[in-house]
Amino acid sequence: MKKLVVFFIVMFLFLNIDLVAQCPMCKMAAESNLKNGGTAGKGLNAGILYMLLTPYLLVGGLAFWWFKNRKKVIE
């Protein structure tokens, strides 16, 4: 089980996928900016993905902390 978890962590860390996480309105604005030579679309995408990832990291960190610090009951 531990090997599987480590495998997925390593896979996700080194996997380079271009993700597009924009609503249609933001996508139109970003595409318009890119057509005019701007780079706002890339920054907008990175910001959206950052905001999407933050809650998962917080909950995952708390779950990991709880799992590592829980007391085992010996009967």
PDB file of N, CA and C in Angstrom:
ATOM      1  N   MET A   1       0.821  -1.199   0.000  1.00  0.00           N
ATOM      2  CA  MET A   1       0.000   0.000   0.000  1.00  0.00           C
ATOM      3  C   MET A   1       0.865   1.263   0.000  1.00  0.00           C
ATOM      4  N   LYS A   2       1.933   1.243   0.810  1.00  0.00           N
ATOM      5  CA  LYS A   2       2.809   2.411   0.873  1.00  0.00           C
ATOM      6  C   LYS A   2       3.505   2.661  -0.461  1.00  0.00           C
ATOM      7  N   LYS A   3       3.880   1.565  -1.120  1.00  0.00           N
ATOM      8  CA  LYS A   3       4.546   1.709  -2.421  1.00  0.00           C
ATOM      9  C   LYS A   3       3.610   2.338  -3.445  1.00  0.00           C
ATOM     10  N   LEU A   4       2.329   1.982  -3.376  1.00  0.00           N
ATOM     11  CA  LEU A   4       1.345   2.539  -4.297  1.00  0.00           C
ATOM     12  C   LEU A   4       1.157   4.037  -4.063  1.00  0.00           C
ATOM     13  N   VAL A   5       1.091   4.436  -2.802  1.00  0.00           N
ATOM     14  CA  VAL A   5       0.934   5.858  -2.471  1.00  0.00           C
ATOM     15  C   VAL A   5       2.151   6.638  -2.930  1.00  0.00           C
ATOM     16  N   VAL A   6       3.347   6.124  -2.667  1.00  0.00           N
ATOM     17  CA  VAL A   6       4.575   6.785  -3.098  1.00  0.00           C
ATOM     18  C   VAL A   6       4.627   6.870  -4.616  1.00  0.00           C
ATOM     19  N   PHE A   7       4.211   5.807  -5.296  1.00  0.00           N
ATOM     20  CA  PHE A   7       4.194   5.819  -6.764  1.00  0.00           C
ATOM     21  C   PHE A   7       3.304   6.946  -7.294  1.00  0.00           C
ATOM     22  N   PHE A   8       2.085   7.081  -6.735  1.00  0.00           N
ATOM     23  CA  PHE A   8       1.180   8.125  -7.212  1.00  0.00           C
ATOM     24  C   PHE A   8       1.689   9.515  -6.885  1.00  0.00           C
ATOM     25  N   ILE A   9       2.301   9.690  -5.724  1.00  0.00           N
ATOM     26  CA  ILE A   9       2.860  11.000  -5.388  1.00  0.00           C
ATOM     27  C   ILE A   9       3.958  11.373  -6.367  1.00  0.00           C
ATOM     28  N   VAL A  10       4.863  10.441  -6.637  1.00  0.00           N
ATOM     29  CA  VAL A  10       5.956  10.709  -7.579  1.00  0.00           C
ATOM     30  C   VAL A  10       5.399  10.954  -8.972  1.00  0.00           C
ATOM     31  N   MET A  11       4.403  10.166  -9.375  1.00  0.00           N
ATOM     32  CA  MET A  11       3.820  10.331 -10.706  1.00  0.00           C
ATOM     33  C   MET A  11       3.208  11.728 -10.869  1.00  0.00           C
ATOM     34  N   PHE A  12       2.454  12.178  -9.862  1.00  0.00           N
ATOM     35  CA  PHE A  12       1.808  13.487  -9.971  1.00  0.00           C
ATOM     36  C   PHE A  12       2.808  14.628  -9.876  1.00  0.00           C
ATOM     37  N   LEU A  13       3.906  14.426  -9.159  1.00  0.00           N
ATOM     38  CA  LEU A  13       4.911  15.481  -9.058  1.00  0.00           C
ATOM     39  C   LEU A  13       5.665  15.681 -10.370  1.00  0.00           C
ATOM     40  N   PHE A  14       5.930  14.590 -11.068  1.00  0.00           N
ATOM     41  CA  PHE A  14       6.733  14.683 -12.280  1.00  0.00           C
ATOM     42  C   PHE A  14       5.917  14.674 -13.569  1.00  0.00           C
ATOM     43  N   LEU A  15       4.622  14.540 -13.451  1.00  0.00           N
ATOM     44  CA  LEU A  15       3.759  14.551 -14.619  1.00  0.00           C
ATOM     45  C   LEU A  15       3.472  16.005 -14.991  1.00  0.00           C
ATOM     46  N   ASN A  16       3.777  16.376 -16.199  1.00  0.00           N
ATOM     47  CA  ASN A  16       3.603  17.760 -16.633  1.00  0.00           C
ATOM     48  C   ASN A  16       2.443  17.826 -17.621  1.00  0.00           C
ATOM     49  N   ILE A  17       1.304  18.275 -17.122  1.00  0.00           N
ATOM     50  CA  ILE A  17       0.113  18.379 -17.950  1.00  0.00           C
ATOM     51  C   ILE A  17      -0.335  19.837 -17.970  1.00  0.00           C
ATOM     52  N   ASP A  18      -0.641  20.341 -19.137  1.00  0.00           N
ATOM     53  CA  ASP A  18      -1.213  21.680 -19.246  1.00  0.00           C
ATOM     54  C   ASP A  18      -2.699  21.594 -18.927  1.00  0.00           C
ATOM     55  N   LEU A  19      -3.114  22.211 -17.856  1.00  0.00           N
ATOM     56  CA  LEU A  19      -4.514  22.184 -17.468  1.00  0.00           C
ATOM     57  C   LEU A  19      -5.163  23.517 -17.785  1.00  0.00           C
ATOM     58  N   VAL A  20      -6.404  23.482 -18.186  1.00  0.00           N
ATOM     59  CA  VAL A  20      -7.164  24.690 -18.465  1.00  0.00           C
ATOM     60  C   VAL A  20      -8.335  24.713 -17.488  1.00  0.00           C
ATOM     61  N   ALA A  21      -8.315  25.685 -16.593  1.00  0.00           N
ATOM     62  CA  ALA A  21      -9.342  25.751 -15.553  1.00  0.00           C
ATOM     63  C   ALA A  21      -9.981  27.132 -15.567  1.00  0.00           C
ATOM     64  N   GLN A  22     -10.761  27.401 -16.582  1.00  0.00           N
ATOM     65  CA  GLN A  22     -11.366  28.724 -16.701  1.00  0.00           C
ATOM     66  C   GLN A  22     -12.842  28.605 -17.024  1.00  0.00           C
ATOM     67  N   CYS A  23     -13.596  29.576 -16.527  1.00  0.00           N
ATOM     68  CA  CYS A  23     -14.996  29.670 -16.916  1.00  0.00           C
ATOM     69  C   CYS A  23     -15.046  30.239 -18.342  1.00  0.00           C
ATOM     70  N   PRO A  24     -16.153  30.121 -19.033  1.00  0.00           N
ATOM     71  CA  PRO A  24     -16.228  30.619 -20.413  1.00  0.00           C
ATOM     72  C   PRO A  24     -15.927  32.117 -20.547  1.00  0.00           C
ATOM     73  N   MET A  25     -16.371  32.904 -19.578  1.00  0.00           N
ATOM     74  CA  MET A  25     -16.135  34.355 -19.641  1.00  0.00           C
ATOM     75  C   MET A  25     -14.638  34.659 -19.494  1.00  0.00           C
ATOM     76  N   CYS A  26     -13.997  33.992 -18.535  1.00  0.00           N
ATOM     77  CA  CYS A  26     -12.559  34.189 -18.334  1.00  0.00           C
ATOM     78  C   CYS A  26     -11.772  33.677 -19.536  1.00  0.00           C
ATOM     79  N   LYS A  27     -12.241  32.568 -20.114  1.00  0.00           N
ATOM     80  CA  LYS A  27     -11.559  32.000 -21.273  1.00  0.00           C
ATOM     81  C   LYS A  27     -11.588  32.980 -22.444  1.00  0.00           C
ATOM     82  N   MET A  28     -12.726  33.630 -22.674  1.00  0.00           N
ATOM     83  CA  MET A  28     -12.822  34.611 -23.761  1.00  0.00           C
ATOM     84  C   MET A  28     -11.871  35.775 -23.529  1.00  0.00           C
ATOM     85  N   ALA A  29     -11.824  36.264 -22.284  1.00  0.00           N
ATOM     86  CA  ALA A  29     -10.939  37.385 -21.972  1.00  0.00           C
ATOM     87  C   ALA A  29      -9.471  36.989 -22.141  1.00  0.00           C
ATOM     88  N   ALA A  30      -9.116  35.786 -21.702  1.00  0.00           N
ATOM     89  CA  ALA A  30      -7.733  35.322 -21.816  1.00  0.00           C
ATOM     90  C   ALA A  30      -7.346  35.101 -23.276  1.00  0.00           C
ATOM     91  N   GLU A  31      -8.239  34.505 -24.053  1.00  0.00           N
ATOM     92  CA  GLU A  31      -7.945  34.279 -25.478  1.00  0.00           C
ATOM     93  C   GLU A  31      -7.805  35.601 -26.219  1.00  0.00           C
ATOM     94  N   SER A  32      -8.639  36.556 -25.888  1.00  0.00           N
ATOM     95  CA  SER A  32      -8.552  37.871 -26.511  1.00  0.00           C
ATOM     96  C   SER A  32      -7.210  38.526 -26.175  1.00  0.00           C
ATOM     97  N   ASN A  33      -6.790  38.397 -24.911  1.00  0.00           N
ATOM     98  CA  ASN A  33      -5.522  38.969 -24.493  1.00  0.00           C
ATOM     99  C   ASN A  33      -4.358  38.280 -25.194  1.00  0.00           C
ATOM    100  N   LEU A  34      -4.419  36.959 -25.321  1.00  0.00           N
ATOM    101  CA  LEU A  34      -3.334  36.220 -25.976  1.00  0.00           C
ATOM    102  C   LEU A  34      -3.240  36.562 -27.459  1.00  0.00           C
ATOM    103  N   LYS A  35      -4.390  36.787 -28.108  1.00  0.00           N
ATOM    104  CA  LYS A  35      -4.377  37.149 -29.533  1.00  0.00           C
ATOM    105  C   LYS A  35      -3.711  38.502 -29.750  1.00  0.00           C
ATOM    106  N   ASN A  36      -3.817  39.366 -28.739  1.00  0.00           N
ATOM    107  CA  ASN A  36      -3.211  40.702 -28.841  1.00  0.00           C
ATOM    108  C   ASN A  36      -1.777  40.730 -28.323  1.00  0.00           C
ATOM    109  N   GLY A  37      -1.208  39.572 -28.046  1.00  0.00           N
ATOM    110  CA  GLY A  37       0.197  39.500 -27.634  1.00  0.00           C
ATOM    111  C   GLY A  37       0.414  39.514 -26.130  1.00  0.00           C
ATOM    112  N   GLY A  38      -0.623  39.461 -25.338  1.00  0.00           N
ATOM    113  CA  GLY A  38      -0.478  39.480 -23.877  1.00  0.00           C
ATOM    114  C   GLY A  38      -0.228  38.094 -23.303  1.00  0.00           C
ATOM    115  N   THR A  39       0.079  38.060 -22.022  1.00  0.00           N
ATOM    116  CA  THR A  39       0.312  36.777 -21.347  1.00  0.00           C
ATOM    117  C   THR A  39      -0.588  36.623 -20.123  1.00  0.00           C
ATOM    118  N   ALA A  40      -1.671  37.361 -20.062  1.00  0.00           N
ATOM    119  CA  ALA A  40      -2.561  37.308 -18.900  1.00  0.00           C
ATOM    120  C   ALA A  40      -3.259  35.956 -18.772  1.00  0.00           C
ATOM    121  N   GLY A  41      -3.473  35.265 -19.865  1.00  0.00           N
ATOM    122  CA  GLY A  41      -4.156  33.974 -19.833  1.00  0.00           C
ATOM    123  C   GLY A  41      -3.407  32.924 -19.036  1.00  0.00           C
ATOM    124  N   LYS A  42      -2.087  32.896 -19.180  1.00  0.00           N
ATOM    125  CA  LYS A  42      -1.288  31.917 -18.445  1.00  0.00           C
ATOM    126  C   LYS A  42      -1.326  32.209 -16.945  1.00  0.00           C
ATOM    127  N   GLY A  43      -1.243  33.460 -16.581  1.00  0.00           N
ATOM    128  CA  GLY A  43      -1.304  33.835 -15.168  1.00  0.00           C
ATOM    129  C   GLY A  43      -2.674  33.567 -14.576  1.00  0.00           C
ATOM    130  N   LEU A  44      -3.712  33.813 -15.338  1.00  0.00           N
ATOM    131  CA  LEU A  44      -5.080  33.560 -14.887  1.00  0.00           C
ATOM    132  C   LEU A  44      -5.282  32.063 -14.645  1.00  0.00           C
ATOM    133  N   ASN A  45      -4.796  31.256 -15.546  1.00  0.00           N
ATOM    134  CA  ASN A  45      -4.891  29.798 -15.393  1.00  0.00           C
ATOM    135  C   ASN A  45      -4.151  29.320 -14.153  1.00  0.00           C
ATOM    136  N   ALA A  46      -2.941  29.828 -13.952  1.00  0.00           N
ATOM    137  CA  ALA A  46      -2.150  29.420 -12.790  1.00  0.00           C
ATOM    138  C   ALA A  46      -2.847  29.835 -11.498  1.00  0.00           C
ATOM    139  N   GLY A  47      -3.437  31.016 -11.464  1.00  0.00           N
ATOM    140  CA  GLY A  47      -4.142  31.483 -10.278  1.00  0.00           C
ATOM    141  C   GLY A  47      -5.359  30.635  -9.958  1.00  0.00           C
ATOM    142  N   ILE A  48      -6.105  30.255 -10.965  1.00  0.00           N
ATOM    143  CA  ILE A  48      -7.291  29.419 -10.759  1.00  0.00           C
ATOM    144  C   ILE A  48      -6.889  28.044 -10.233  1.00  0.00           C
ATOM    145  N   LEU A  49      -5.842  27.468 -10.802  1.00  0.00           N
ATOM    146  CA  LEU A  49      -5.386  26.157 -10.339  1.00  0.00           C
ATOM    147  C   LEU A  49      -4.839  26.238  -8.918  1.00  0.00           C
ATOM    148  N   TYR A  50      -4.178  27.328  -8.583  1.00  0.00           N
ATOM    149  CA  TYR A  50      -3.664  27.522  -7.228  1.00  0.00           C
ATOM    150  C   TYR A  50      -4.824  27.583  -6.225  1.00  0.00           C
ATOM    151  N   MET A  51      -5.862  28.327  -6.555  1.00  0.00           N
ATOM    152  CA  MET A  51      -7.021  28.422  -5.665  1.00  0.00           C
ATOM    153  C   MET A  51      -7.756  27.092  -5.559  1.00  0.00           C
ATOM    154  N   LEU A  52      -7.735  26.294  -6.606  1.00  0.00           N
ATOM    155  CA  LEU A  52      -8.378  24.984  -6.588  1.00  0.00           C
ATOM    156  C   LEU A  52      -7.601  23.999  -5.723  1.00  0.00           C
ATOM    157  N   LEU A  53      -6.290  24.088  -5.719  1.00  0.00           N
ATOM    158  CA  LEU A  53      -5.436  23.148  -5.004  1.00  0.00           C
ATOM    159  C   LEU A  53      -5.367  23.424  -3.504  1.00  0.00           C
ATOM    160  N   THR A  54      -5.473  24.671  -3.088  1.00  0.00           N
ATOM    161  CA  THR A  54      -5.280  25.050  -1.690  1.00  0.00           C
ATOM    162  C   THR A  54      -6.183  24.300  -0.713  1.00  0.00           C
ATOM    163  N   PRO A  55      -7.500  24.203  -0.919  1.00  0.00           N
ATOM    164  CA  PRO A  55      -8.321  23.461   0.050  1.00  0.00           C
ATOM    165  C   PRO A  55      -7.937  21.984   0.158  1.00  0.00           C
ATOM    166  N   TYR A  56      -7.563  21.376  -0.949  1.00  0.00           N
ATOM    167  CA  TYR A  56      -7.174  19.974  -0.915  1.00  0.00           C
ATOM    168  C   TYR A  56      -5.879  19.784  -0.129  1.00  0.00           C
ATOM    169  N   LEU A  57      -4.928  20.696  -0.280  1.00  0.00           N
ATOM    170  CA  LEU A  57      -3.695  20.606   0.487  1.00  0.00           C
ATOM    171  C   LEU A  57      -3.947  20.799   1.977  1.00  0.00           C
ATOM    172  N   LEU A  58      -4.822  21.735   2.331  1.00  0.00           N
ATOM    173  CA  LEU A  58      -5.134  21.964   3.745  1.00  0.00           C
ATOM    174  C   LEU A  58      -5.802  20.749   4.380  1.00  0.00           C
ATOM    175  N   VAL A  59      -6.814  20.213   3.733  1.00  0.00           N
ATOM    176  CA  VAL A  59      -7.517  19.048   4.270  1.00  0.00           C
ATOM    177  C   VAL A  59      -6.593  17.838   4.290  1.00  0.00           C
ATOM    178  N   GLY A  60      -5.816  17.644   3.255  1.00  0.00           N
ATOM    179  CA  GLY A  60      -4.871  16.535   3.216  1.00  0.00           C
ATOM    180  C   GLY A  60      -3.808  16.656   4.301  1.00  0.00           C
ATOM    181  N   GLY A  61      -3.315  17.868   4.526  1.00  0.00           N
ATOM    182  CA  GLY A  61      -2.323  18.093   5.580  1.00  0.00           C
ATOM    183  C   GLY A  61      -2.893  17.809   6.958  1.00  0.00           C
ATOM    184  N   LEU A  62      -4.121  18.255   7.201  1.00  0.00           N
ATOM    185  CA  LEU A  62      -4.770  17.981   8.486  1.00  0.00           C
ATOM    186  C   LEU A  62      -5.013  16.487   8.673  1.00  0.00           C
ATOM    187  N   ALA A  63      -5.448  15.805   7.632  1.00  0.00           N
ATOM    188  CA  ALA A  63      -5.675  14.369   7.717  1.00  0.00           C
ATOM    189  C   ALA A  63      -4.367  13.626   7.981  1.00  0.00           C
ATOM    190  N   PHE A  64      -3.299  14.039   7.319  1.00  0.00           N
ATOM    191  CA  PHE A  64      -1.993  13.417   7.536  1.00  0.00           C
ATOM    192  C   PHE A  64      -1.522  13.646   8.967  1.00  0.00           C
ATOM    193  N   TRP A  65      -1.669  14.885   9.471  1.00  0.00           N
ATOM    194  CA  TRP A  65      -1.266  15.214  10.831  1.00  0.00           C
ATOM    195  C   TRP A  65      -2.058  14.390  11.840  1.00  0.00           C
ATOM    196  N   TRP A  66      -3.374  14.279  11.622  1.00  0.00           N
ATOM    197  CA  TRP A  66      -4.213  13.492  12.524  1.00  0.00           C
ATOM    198  C   TRP A  66      -3.787  12.026  12.495  1.00  0.00           C
ATOM    199  N   PHE A  67      -3.542  11.489  11.303  1.00  0.00           N
ATOM    200  CA  PHE A  67      -3.173  10.090  11.160  1.00  0.00           C
ATOM    201  C   PHE A  67      -1.854   9.786  11.869  1.00  0.00           C
ATOM    202  N   LYS A  68      -0.887  10.682  11.747  1.00  0.00           N
ATOM    203  CA  LYS A  68       0.423  10.468  12.363  1.00  0.00           C
ATOM    204  C   LYS A  68       0.387  10.651  13.878  1.00  0.00           C
ATOM    205  N   ASN A  69      -0.513  11.488  14.404  1.00  0.00           N
ATOM    206  CA  ASN A  69      -0.532  11.815  15.826  1.00  0.00           C
ATOM    207  C   ASN A  69      -1.628  11.124  16.620  1.00  0.00           C
ATOM    208  N   ARG A  70      -2.378  10.246  16.013  1.00  0.00           N
ATOM    209  CA  ARG A  70      -3.434   9.579  16.756  1.00  0.00           C
ATOM    210  C   ARG A  70      -2.821   8.536  17.690  1.00  0.00           C
ATOM    211  N   LYS A  71      -3.479   8.332  18.797  1.00  0.00           N
ATOM    212  CA  LYS A  71      -2.988   7.367  19.780  1.00  0.00           C
ATOM    213  C   LYS A  71      -3.592   6.002  19.491  1.00  0.00           C
ATOM    214  N   LYS A  72      -2.762   5.003  19.539  1.00  0.00           N
ATOM    215  CA  LYS A  72      -3.235   3.640  19.319  1.00  0.00           C
ATOM    216  C   LYS A  72      -3.674   3.064  20.666  1.00  0.00           C
ATOM    217  N   VAL A  73      -4.865   2.510  20.704  1.00  0.00           N
ATOM    218  CA  VAL A  73      -5.399   1.928  21.921  1.00  0.00           C
ATOM    219  C   VAL A  73      -4.962   0.469  21.978  1.00  0.00           C
ATOM    220  N   ILE A  74      -4.287   0.114  23.037  1.00  0.00           N
ATOM    221  CA  ILE A  74      -3.830  -1.262  23.232  1.00  0.00           C
ATOM    222  C   ILE A  74      -4.766  -1.919  24.231  1.00  0.00           C
ATOM    223  N   GLU A  75      -5.403  -2.977  23.812  1.00  0.00           N
ATOM    224  CA  GLU A  75      -6.354  -3.655  24.703  1.00  0.00           C
ATOM    225  C   GLU A  75      -5.755  -4.919  25.280  1.00  0.00           C
TER     226      GLU A  75
END
